[in-house]
PDB file of N, CA and C in Angstrom:
ATOM      1  N   MET A   1      71.300 103.301  87.377  1.00  0.00           N
ATOM      2  CA  MET A   1      71.285 103.463  85.590  1.00  0.00           C
ATOM      3  C   MET A   1      71.956 102.386  84.882  1.00  0.00           C
ATOM      4  N   ALA A   2      70.561 102.404  83.592  1.00  0.00           N
ATOM      5  CA  ALA A   2      71.235 100.896  83.044  1.00  0.00           C
ATOM      6  C   ALA A   2      72.511 100.976  81.934  1.00  0.00           C
ATOM      7  N   TYR A   3      73.644 100.380  81.926  1.00  0.00           N
ATOM      8  CA  TYR A   3      74.849 100.656  80.800  1.00  0.00           C
ATOM      9  C   TYR A   3      74.844  99.445  80.238  1.00  0.00           C
ATOM     10  N   SER A   4      74.950 100.150  78.892  1.00  0.00           N
ATOM     11  CA  SER A   4      75.700  98.918  77.452  1.00  0.00           C
ATOM     12  C   SER A   4      77.497  98.596  77.593  1.00  0.00           C
ATOM     13  N   LYS A   5      77.299  97.113  76.885  1.00  0.00           N
ATOM     14  CA  LYS A   5      78.475  97.595  76.873  1.00  0.00           C
ATOM     15  C   LYS A   5      79.130  98.091  75.440  1.00  0.00           C
ATOM     16  N   ALA A   6      78.264  98.902  75.079  1.00  0.00           N
ATOM     17  CA  ALA A   6      78.337 100.491  74.046  1.00  0.00           C
ATOM     18  C   ALA A   6      79.626 101.393  75.086  1.00  0.00           C
ATOM     19  N   ASP A   7      78.600 101.795  76.100  1.00  0.00           N
ATOM     20  CA  ASP A   7      78.907 102.601  77.789  1.00  0.00           C
ATOM     21  C   ASP A   7      80.335 102.192  77.955  1.00  0.00           C
ATOM     22  N   LEU A   8      80.818 100.757  78.011  1.00  0.00           N
ATOM     23  CA  LEU A   8      82.055 100.388  78.350  1.00  0.00           C
ATOM     24  C   LEU A   8      83.009 100.575  78.195  1.00  0.00           C
ATOM     25  N   GLU A   9      82.889 100.051  76.290  1.00  0.00           N
ATOM     26  CA  GLU A   9      83.833 100.469  75.289  1.00  0.00           C
ATOM     27  C   GLU A   9      83.879 101.650  75.256  1.00  0.00           C
ATOM     28  N   LEU A  10      83.223 102.747  75.445  1.00  0.00           N
ATOM     29  CA  LEU A  10      83.358 104.044  75.797  1.00  0.00           C
ATOM     30  C   LEU A  10      84.575 104.950  76.122  1.00  0.00           C
ATOM     31  N   VAL A  11      84.121 104.642  77.593  1.00  0.00           N
ATOM     32  CA  VAL A  11      85.189 104.695  78.705  1.00  0.00           C
ATOM     33  C   VAL A  11      86.326 103.869  79.023  1.00  0.00           C
ATOM     34  N   GLU A  12      86.120 103.187  78.402  1.00  0.00           N
ATOM     35  CA  GLU A  12      87.460 102.350  78.077  1.00  0.00           C
ATOM     36  C   GLU A  12      88.479 103.655  76.914  1.00  0.00           C
ATOM     37  N   ARG A  13      87.881 103.731  75.835  1.00  0.00           N
ATOM     38  CA  ARG A  13      88.665 104.438  74.942  1.00  0.00           C
ATOM     39  C   ARG A  13      88.742 106.172  75.639  1.00  0.00           C
ATOM     40  N   HIS A  14      88.020 106.258  76.268  1.00  0.00           N
ATOM     41  CA  HIS A  14      88.409 107.477  77.516  1.00  0.00           C
ATOM     42  C   HIS A  14      89.884 107.196  78.275  1.00  0.00           C
ATOM     43  N   VAL A  15      89.805 105.942  78.975  1.00  0.00           N
ATOM     44  CA  VAL A  15      90.649 105.790  79.588  1.00  0.00           C
ATOM     45  C   VAL A  15      92.030 105.844  78.880  1.00  0.00           C
ATOM     46  N   ALA A  16      92.214 104.778  77.903  1.00  0.00           N
ATOM     47  CA  ALA A  16      93.314 104.936  76.821  1.00  0.00           C
ATOM     48  C   ALA A  16      93.735 106.195  76.140  1.00  0.00           C
ATOM     49  N   GLN A  17      92.516 107.087  75.853  1.00  0.00           N
ATOM     50  CA  GLN A  17      93.158 108.448  75.761  1.00  0.00           C
ATOM     51  C   GLN A  17      94.157 108.821  76.787  1.00  0.00           C
ATOM     52  N   GLY A  18      93.191 109.153  77.610  1.00  0.00           N
ATOM     53  CA  GLY A  18      94.159 109.655  79.160  1.00  0.00           C
ATOM     54  C   GLY A  18      95.261 109.097  79.736  1.00  0.00           C
ATOM     55  N   GLU A  19      95.753 108.036  78.953  1.00  0.00           N
ATOM     56  CA  GLU A  19      96.784 107.438  79.309  1.00  0.00           C
ATOM     57  C   GLU A  19      97.909 108.023  78.042  1.00  0.00           C
ATOM     58  N   GLN A  20      97.482 108.332  76.990  1.00  0.00           N
ATOM     59  CA  GLN A  20      98.193 109.045  76.557  1.00  0.00           C
ATOM     60  C   GLN A  20      98.757 110.653  76.741  1.00  0.00           C
ATOM     61  N   HIS A  21      97.389 111.038  77.053  1.00  0.00           N
ATOM     62  CA  HIS A  21      97.975 112.287  77.145  1.00  0.00           C
ATOM     63  C   HIS A  21      98.823 112.447  78.334  1.00  0.00           C
ATOM     64  N   ILE A  22      98.589 111.567  79.269  1.00  0.00           N
ATOM     65  CA  ILE A  22      99.202 111.721  80.163  1.00  0.00           C
ATOM     66  C   ILE A  22     101.064 111.485  80.194  1.00  0.00           C
ATOM     67  N   ILE A  23     101.445 110.220  78.809  1.00  0.00           N
ATOM     68  CA  ILE A  23     102.492 110.248  78.792  1.00  0.00           C
ATOM     69  C   ILE A  23     103.375 111.146  77.685  1.00  0.00           C
ATOM     70  N   ARG A  24     102.413 111.800  76.898  1.00  0.00           N
ATOM     71  CA  ARG A  24     102.797 112.679  76.147  1.00  0.00           C
ATOM     72  C   ARG A  24     102.698 113.859  77.144  1.00  0.00           C
ATOM     73  N   GLN A  25     102.216 114.356  78.265  1.00  0.00           N
ATOM     74  CA  GLN A  25     102.606 115.365  78.996  1.00  0.00           C
ATOM     75  C   GLN A  25     103.593 115.455  79.988  1.00  0.00           C
ATOM     76  N   GLU A  26     104.282 113.918  80.031  1.00  0.00           N
ATOM     77  CA  GLU A  26     104.983 113.803  81.244  1.00  0.00           C
ATOM     78  C   GLU A  26     106.471 113.984  79.768  1.00  0.00           C
ATOM     79  N   GLU A  27     106.625 113.514  78.812  1.00  0.00           N
ATOM     80  CA  GLU A  27     107.615 113.492  77.709  1.00  0.00           C
ATOM     81  C   GLU A  27     107.655 115.274  77.564  1.00  0.00           C
ATOM     82  N   LEU A  28     107.175 116.381  77.301  1.00  0.00           N
ATOM     83  CA  LEU A  28     106.936 117.738  77.119  1.00  0.00           C
ATOM     84  C   LEU A  28     107.677 118.220  78.373  1.00  0.00           C
ATOM     85  N   ILE A  29     106.860 117.542  79.931  1.00  0.00           N
ATOM     86  CA  ILE A  29     107.826 117.907  80.910  1.00  0.00           C
ATOM     87  C   ILE A  29     108.940 117.711  81.142  1.00  0.00           C
ATOM     88  N   SER A  30     109.958 116.646  80.515  1.00  0.00           N
ATOM     89  CA  SER A  30     110.812 115.973  80.348  1.00  0.00           C
ATOM     90  C   SER A  30     111.670 117.470  79.304  1.00  0.00           C
ATOM     91  N   ARG A  31     111.572 117.280  78.288  1.00  0.00           N
ATOM     92  CA  ARG A  31     111.908 118.104  77.016  1.00  0.00           C
ATOM     93  C   ARG A  31     112.107 119.577  77.700  1.00  0.00           C
ATOM     94  N   LEU A  32     110.999 119.972  78.354  1.00  0.00           N
ATOM     95  CA  LEU A  32     111.300 121.759  79.381  1.00  0.00           C
ATOM     96  C   LEU A  32     112.258 121.655  80.159  1.00  0.00           C
ATOM     97  N   ARG A  33     112.477 120.517  80.951  1.00  0.00           N
ATOM     98  CA  ARG A  33     113.254 120.353  82.282  1.00  0.00           C
ATOM     99  C   ARG A  33     114.354 120.380  81.543  1.00  0.00           C
ATOM    100  N   SER A  34     114.783 119.316  80.390  1.00  0.00           N
ATOM    101  CA  SER A  34     116.406 119.386  80.072  1.00  0.00           C
ATOM    102  C   SER A  34     116.638 120.307  79.207  1.00  0.00           C
ATOM    103  N   ARG A  35     115.748 121.797  79.089  1.00  0.00           N
ATOM    104  CA  ARG A  35     115.973 123.079  78.259  1.00  0.00           C
ATOM    105  C   ARG A  35     116.127 123.922  79.023  1.00  0.00           C
ATOM    106  N   GLY A  36     116.104 123.737  80.230  1.00  0.00           N
ATOM    107  CA  GLY A  36     116.070 124.558  81.164  1.00  0.00           C
ATOM    108  C   GLY A  36     114.825 125.233  81.802  1.00  0.00           C
ATOM    109  N   LEU A  37     114.054 124.851  81.015  1.00  0.00           N
ATOM    110  CA  LEU A  37     112.136 125.829  80.228  1.00  0.00           C
ATOM    111  C   LEU A  37     111.601 125.214  82.250  1.00  0.00           C
ATOM    112  N   PRO A  38     110.686 126.389  82.166  1.00  0.00           N
ATOM    113  CA  PRO A  38     109.999 126.488  83.645  1.00  0.00           C
ATOM    114  C   PRO A  38     108.509 125.646  82.903  1.00  0.00           C
ATOM    115  N   THR A  39     108.183 124.389  84.505  1.00  0.00           N
ATOM    116  CA  THR A  39     107.389 123.070  83.927  1.00  0.00           C
ATOM    117  C   THR A  39     106.114 123.742  84.617  1.00  0.00           C
ATOM    118  N   GLU A  40     106.174 124.508  85.534  1.00  0.00           N
ATOM    119  CA  GLU A  40     104.646 124.755  86.273  1.00  0.00           C
ATOM    120  C   GLU A  40     103.730 123.936  85.954  1.00  0.00           C
ATOM    121  N   GLU A  41     103.568 125.110  84.907  1.00  0.00           N
ATOM    122  CA  GLU A  41     102.052 125.039  83.936  1.00  0.00           C
ATOM    123  C   GLU A  41     102.247 123.572  83.562  1.00  0.00           C
ATOM    124  N   ALA A  42     102.737 123.014  82.777  1.00  0.00           N
ATOM    125  CA  ALA A  42     102.743 121.728  82.298  1.00  0.00           C
ATOM    126  C   ALA A  42     102.196 120.767  83.589  1.00  0.00           C
ATOM    127  N   GLU A  43     103.082 121.328  84.219  1.00  0.00           N
ATOM    128  CA  GLU A  43     102.611 119.957  85.896  1.00  0.00           C
ATOM    129  C   GLU A  43     101.348 119.895  86.104  1.00  0.00           C
ATOM    130  N   LYS A  44     100.945 121.606  85.971  1.00  0.00           N
ATOM    131  CA  LYS A  44      99.286 121.497  86.598  1.00  0.00           C
ATOM    132  C   LYS A  44      98.321 120.867  85.539  1.00  0.00           C
ATOM    133  N   LEU A  45      98.774 121.186  84.144  1.00  0.00           N
ATOM    134  CA  LEU A  45      98.163 120.159  83.318  1.00  0.00           C
ATOM    135  C   LEU A  45      98.382 118.929  83.757  1.00  0.00           C
ATOM    136  N   LEU A  46      99.330 118.815  83.768  1.00  0.00           N
ATOM    137  CA  LEU A  46      99.505 116.788  83.703  1.00  0.00           C
ATOM    138  C   LEU A  46      98.561 116.240  85.337  1.00  0.00           C
ATOM    139  N   LYS A  47      98.724 117.019  86.341  1.00  0.00           N
ATOM    140  CA  LYS A  47      98.062 116.847  87.391  1.00  0.00           C
ATOM    141  C   LYS A  47      96.190 116.645  87.118  1.00  0.00           C
ATOM    142  N   GLY A  48      95.706 117.437  86.244  1.00  0.00           N
ATOM    143  CA  GLY A  48      94.280 117.626  85.902  1.00  0.00           C
ATOM    144  C   GLY A  48      94.596 116.218  85.165  1.00  0.00           C
ATOM    145  N   PHE A  49      95.301 115.972  83.937  1.00  0.00           N
ATOM    146  CA  PHE A  49      95.303 114.509  83.193  1.00  0.00           C
ATOM    147  C   PHE A  49      94.972 113.482  84.388  1.00  0.00           C
ATOM    148  N   GLN A  50      95.891 113.478  85.069  1.00  0.00           N
ATOM    149  CA  GLN A  50      96.002 112.233  86.074  1.00  0.00           C
ATOM    150  C   GLN A  50      94.897 112.145  86.938  1.00  0.00           C
ATOM    151  N   GLU A  51      94.291 113.496  87.490  1.00  0.00           N
ATOM    152  CA  GLU A  51      92.879 113.678  87.775  1.00  0.00           C
ATOM    153  C   GLU A  51      91.715 112.809  87.006  1.00  0.00           C
ATOM    154  N   SER A  52      91.891 113.147  85.750  1.00  0.00           N
ATOM    155  CA  SER A  52      90.514 112.866  85.189  1.00  0.00           C
ATOM    156  C   SER A  52      90.841 111.650  84.667  1.00  0.00           C
ATOM    157  N   LEU A  53      92.008 110.782  84.366  1.00  0.00           N
ATOM    158  CA  LEU A  53      92.183 109.946  84.039  1.00  0.00           C
ATOM    159  C   LEU A  53      91.937 108.904  85.712  1.00  0.00           C
ATOM    160  N   HIS A  54      92.057 109.194  86.790  1.00  0.00           N
ATOM    161  CA  HIS A  54      91.594 108.687  88.133  1.00  0.00           C
ATOM    162  C   HIS A  54      89.971 108.318  87.400  1.00  0.00           C
ATOM    163  N   GLU A  55      89.409 109.535  87.688  1.00  0.00           N
ATOM    164  CA  GLU A  55      87.711 109.943  87.218  1.00  0.00           C
ATOM    165  C   GLU A  55      87.269 108.646  86.243  1.00  0.00           C
ATOM    166  N   HIS A  56      87.874 108.795  85.392  1.00  0.00           N
ATOM    167  CA  HIS A  56      87.600 107.176  84.120  1.00  0.00           C
ATOM    168  C   HIS A  56      87.390 105.842  84.551  1.00  0.00           C
ATOM    169  N   ARG A  57      89.000 105.991  84.941  1.00  0.00           N
ATOM    170  CA  ARG A  57      88.769 104.322  85.584  1.00  0.00           C
ATOM    171  C   ARG A  57      87.944 104.603  86.532  1.00  0.00           C
ATOM    172  N   ALA A  58      87.473 105.474  87.725  1.00  0.00           N
ATOM    173  CA  ALA A  58      86.405 104.875  88.608  1.00  0.00           C
ATOM    174  C   ALA A  58      85.263 104.494  88.055  1.00  0.00           C
ATOM    175  N   HIS A  59      85.246 105.304  86.776  1.00  0.00           N
ATOM    176  CA  HIS A  59      83.353 105.060  86.052  1.00  0.00           C
ATOM    177  C   HIS A  59      83.470 103.692  85.169  1.00  0.00           C
ATOM    178  N   ARG A  60      84.840 103.561  84.435  1.00  0.00           N
ATOM    179  CA  ARG A  60      84.916 102.792  83.886  1.00  0.00           C
ATOM    180  C   ARG A  60      84.652 101.093  84.870  1.00  0.00           C
ATOM    181  N   ASP A  61      85.163 101.155  85.886  1.00  0.00           N
ATOM    182  CA  ASP A  61      84.546  99.937  87.270  1.00  0.00           C
ATOM    183  C   ASP A  61      83.539 100.235  87.514  1.00  0.00           C
ATOM    184  N   ARG A  62      82.825 101.210  87.483  1.00  0.00           N
ATOM    185  CA  ARG A  62      80.739 101.357  88.140  1.00  0.00           C
ATOM    186  C   ARG A  62      80.778 100.736  86.921  1.00  0.00           C
ATOM    187  N   ILE A  63      80.733 100.870  85.672  1.00  0.00           N
ATOM    188  CA  ILE A  63      79.600  99.992  84.603  1.00  0.00           C
ATOM    189  C   ILE A  63      79.837  99.206  84.392  1.00  0.00           C
ATOM    190  N   ALA A  64      81.739  98.195  84.545  1.00  0.00           N
ATOM    191  CA  ALA A  64      82.173  97.019  84.743  1.00  0.00           C
ATOM    192  C   ALA A  64      81.276  96.322  85.808  1.00  0.00           C
ATOM    193  N   GLU A  65      81.348  96.727  86.349  1.00  0.00           N
ATOM    194  CA  GLU A  65      80.493  95.935  87.822  1.00  0.00           C
ATOM    195  C   GLU A  65      78.918  96.231  87.445  1.00  0.00           C
ATOM    196  N   ALA A  66      78.403  97.058  87.450  1.00  0.00           N
ATOM    197  CA  ALA A  66      76.776  97.061  86.770  1.00  0.00           C
ATOM    198  C   ALA A  66      77.073  96.095  85.869  1.00  0.00           C
ATOM    199  N   LEU A  67      77.195  96.052  84.995  1.00  0.00           N
ATOM    200  CA  LEU A  67      77.512  95.084  83.771  1.00  0.00           C
ATOM    201  C   LEU A  67      77.534  93.489  84.603  1.00  0.00           C
ATOM    202  N   ASP A  68      77.718  93.378  85.172  1.00  0.00           N
ATOM    203  CA  ASP A  68      78.592  92.288  85.842  1.00  0.00           C
ATOM    204  C   ASP A  68      77.545  91.393  86.631  1.00  0.00           C
ATOM    205  N   ASP A  69      76.931  92.765  87.153  1.00  0.00           N
ATOM    206  CA  ASP A  69      75.616  92.374  87.966  1.00  0.00           C
ATOM    207  C   ASP A  69      74.170  91.814  87.036  1.00  0.00           C
ATOM    208  N   ASN A  70      74.275  92.771  86.404  1.00  0.00           N
ATOM    209  CA  ASN A  70      72.961  92.452  85.444  1.00  0.00           C
ATOM    210  C   ASN A  70      73.047  90.477  84.495  1.00  0.00           C
ATOM    211  N   GLU A  71      74.647  90.842  84.837  1.00  0.00           N
ATOM    212  CA  GLU A  71      74.652  88.713  83.819  1.00  0.00           C
ATOM    213  C   GLU A  71      74.169  87.599  84.933  1.00  0.00           C
ATOM    214  N   ASP A  72      74.515  88.395  86.003  1.00  0.00           N
ATOM    215  CA  ASP A  72      74.344  87.162  87.155  1.00  0.00           C
ATOM    216  C   ASP A  72      72.555  86.871  87.274  1.00  0.00           C
TER     217      ASP A  72
END
């Protein structure tokens, strides 16, 4: 598949958003713990965010590599 710099910019935004979701979710889990509240569901959601971020980063790397290969 042919990628453009716009594709790379889009996935970079997805990575940044994913990182922010993880930060906010970790903060939420900390607040829940400090109040003695259950965190199981919040931790499951955090795991999903982490897995999504991993996929976004892998996709970003594939696009970047494809763009580098096209510049050669």
